[in-house]
Amino acid sequence: LLLTWIRMPFPLLRQTAWLLTVATVVFNAASASDPLGMGMHAVIPVLFVVTVEAARHAVGRIADITADKHMEGVRLTRWLLAPVPTFLLWRRMKLWELRSYDQVIKLEQERLVYQARLRSRFGRAWRRKAP
């Protein structure tokens, strides 16, 4: 959590923690003889992992917001209704590091209007004909 807070990610440390957590869950579950006991022995380590990951996520979001690095996400309804154009929009958003979803939508609308103007001026082959 401290490394996340100071924005110094160390992926190997996190993967090691996940591996040790899986081992803990397996060893705890193996100590019981019946399926209910196995489940009960596995619940507490899993709950601990979920709590730590939630805290890490919250700390990461706070750290990104305070460092002005937070990127807004694309709405789920847009993903469901138009997956391919939304992926292209999301890709542009990440490549150009645009943080505001509203700004991205405004730029996309301007791009589509400009593209329509080029198409009406130069015809079907506007990509080749436009200077």
Protein backbone atom coordinates (compact mmCIF):
# COMPACT_ATOMS: atom_id res chain seq x y z
CA LEU A 1 0.00 0.00 0.00
CA LEU A 2 2.86 2.36 0.79
CA LEU A 3 4.49 1.76 -2.60
CA THR A 4 1.16 2.41 -4.30
CA TRP A 5 0.73 5.61 -2.29
CA ILE A 6 4.12 6.98 -3.34
CA ARG A 7 3.54 5.79 -6.93
CA MET A 8 6.45 3.33 -7.04
CA PRO A 9 4.95 0.12 -8.43
CA PHE A 10 6.90 -3.08 -7.85
CA PRO A 11 5.08 -5.82 -9.80
CA LEU A 12 7.31 -8.69 -8.64
CA LEU A 13 6.46 -7.95 -5.02
CA ARG A 14 2.74 -7.96 -5.79
CA GLN A 15 2.94 -11.23 -7.75
CA THR A 16 4.88 -12.85 -4.89
CA ALA A 17 2.20 -11.72 -2.45
CA TRP A 18 -0.49 -13.25 -4.68
CA LEU A 19 1.42 -16.54 -4.91
CA LEU A 20 1.85 -16.71 -1.13
CA THR A 21 -1.83 -15.87 -0.66
CA VAL A 22 -2.89 -18.70 -2.96
CA ALA A 23 -0.60 -21.05 -1.02
CA THR A 24 -2.14 -19.89 2.27
CA VAL A 25 -5.67 -20.48 1.00
CA VAL A 26 -4.77 -23.95 -0.29
CA PHE A 27 -2.99 -24.94 2.94
CA ASN A 28 -5.84 -23.63 5.10
CA ALA A 29 -8.43 -25.44 3.01
CA ALA A 30 -6.39 -28.66 3.06
CA SER A 31 -6.36 -28.68 6.87
CA ALA A 32 -10.09 -29.50 6.94
CA SER A 33 -11.45 -32.93 6.14
CA ASP A 34 -14.90 -32.07 4.78
CA PRO A 35 -15.91 -29.64 1.96
CA LEU A 36 -17.68 -27.25 4.34
CA GLY A 37 -14.59 -27.06 6.54
CA MET A 38 -12.42 -26.43 3.49
CA GLY A 39 -14.64 -23.55 2.47
CA MET A 40 -14.67 -22.11 5.97
CA HIS A 41 -10.85 -22.29 6.21
CA ALA A 42 -10.49 -20.55 2.84
CA VAL A 43 -12.91 -17.67 3.55
CA ILE A 44 -10.75 -15.61 5.93
CA PRO A 45 -7.60 -15.46 3.75
CA VAL A 46 -9.73 -14.63 0.70
CA LEU A 47 -11.55 -11.91 2.66
CA PHE A 48 -8.19 -10.49 3.74
CA VAL A 49 -6.94 -10.43 0.13
CA VAL A 50 -10.12 -8.73 -1.08
CA THR A 51 -9.81 -6.10 1.66
CA VAL A 52 -6.13 -5.41 0.88
CA GLU A 53 -6.81 -5.19 -2.88
CA ALA A 54 -9.73 -2.80 -2.27
CA ALA A 55 -7.48 -0.62 -0.11
CA ARG A 56 -4.72 -0.76 -2.75
CA HIS A 57 -7.19 0.27 -5.43
CA ALA A 58 -8.50 3.15 -3.30
CA VAL A 59 -4.99 4.35 -2.46
CA GLY A 60 -4.00 4.10 -6.13
CA ARG A 61 -7.01 6.15 -7.20
CA ILE A 62 -6.29 8.80 -4.56
CA ALA A 63 -2.62 8.91 -5.58
CA ASP A 64 -3.53 9.25 -9.27
CA ILE A 65 -6.12 11.94 -8.57
CA THR A 66 -3.75 13.97 -6.42
CA ALA A 67 -1.01 13.64 -9.06
CA ASP A 68 -3.50 14.67 -11.76
CA LYS A 69 -3.02 11.33 -13.51
CA HIS A 70 -6.56 9.99 -13.13
CA MET A 71 -8.24 9.04 -16.43
CA GLU A 72 -12.00 8.85 -16.56
CA GLY A 73 -13.39 5.64 -17.99
CA VAL A 74 -15.72 5.17 -20.93
CA ARG A 75 -19.31 4.46 -19.93
CA LEU A 76 -20.48 0.84 -19.94
CA THR A 77 -23.58 1.63 -22.01
CA ARG A 78 -21.38 3.00 -24.79
CA TRP A 79 -19.32 -0.21 -24.75
CA LEU A 80 -22.51 -2.29 -25.01
CA LEU A 81 -24.19 -0.22 -27.73
CA ALA A 82 -21.18 0.44 -29.99
CA PRO A 83 -18.19 -1.76 -29.06
CA VAL A 84 -15.91 -1.14 -32.07
CA PRO A 85 -16.22 2.69 -32.22
CA THR A 86 -15.94 2.77 -28.43
CA PHE A 87 -12.72 0.76 -28.56
CA LEU A 88 -11.31 3.21 -31.12
CA LEU A 89 -12.38 6.13 -28.92
CA TRP A 90 -10.85 4.49 -25.82
CA ARG A 91 -7.64 3.79 -27.79
CA ARG A 92 -7.39 7.43 -28.85
CA MET A 93 -8.06 8.50 -25.28
CA LYS A 94 -5.20 6.35 -23.96
CA LEU A 95 -2.74 7.14 -26.76
CA TRP A 96 -3.19 10.88 -26.48
CA GLU A 97 -3.55 10.74 -22.66
CA LEU A 98 -6.82 12.63 -22.62
CA ARG A 99 -8.17 12.47 -19.08
CA SER A 100 -11.68 13.88 -19.40
CA TYR A 101 -14.40 11.72 -20.95
CA ASP A 102 -16.40 14.85 -21.87
CA GLN A 103 -13.36 16.32 -23.66
CA VAL A 104 -12.88 13.07 -25.60
CA ILE A 105 -16.54 13.04 -26.67
CA LYS A 106 -16.29 16.66 -27.83
CA LEU A 107 -13.13 15.94 -29.84
CA GLU A 108 -14.73 12.83 -31.36
CA GLN A 109 -17.77 14.82 -32.45
CA GLU A 110 -15.54 17.47 -34.03
CA ARG A 111 -13.54 14.74 -35.80
CA LEU A 112 -16.70 13.14 -37.21
CA VAL A 113 -18.01 16.52 -38.44
CA TYR A 114 -14.66 17.29 -40.09
CA GLN A 115 -14.63 13.82 -41.69
CA ALA A 116 -18.17 14.38 -43.03
CA ARG A 117 -17.10 17.73 -44.51
CA LEU A 118 -14.11 16.11 -46.23
CA ARG A 119 -16.35 13.36 -47.59
CA SER A 120 -18.86 15.86 -48.97
CA ARG A 121 -16.11 18.00 -50.54
CA PHE A 122 -13.89 15.27 -52.03
CA GLY A 123 -16.35 12.40 -52.51
CA ARG A 124 -15.91 8.73 -51.73
CA ALA A 125 -12.13 8.69 -52.07
CA TRP A 126 -11.69 11.64 -49.72
CA ARG A 127 -8.80 9.97 -47.88
CA ARG A 128 -6.68 9.93 -51.03
CA LYS A 129 -7.89 13.21 -52.55
CA ALA A 130 -7.84 15.47 -49.49
CA PRO A 131 -4.62 17.43 -49.06
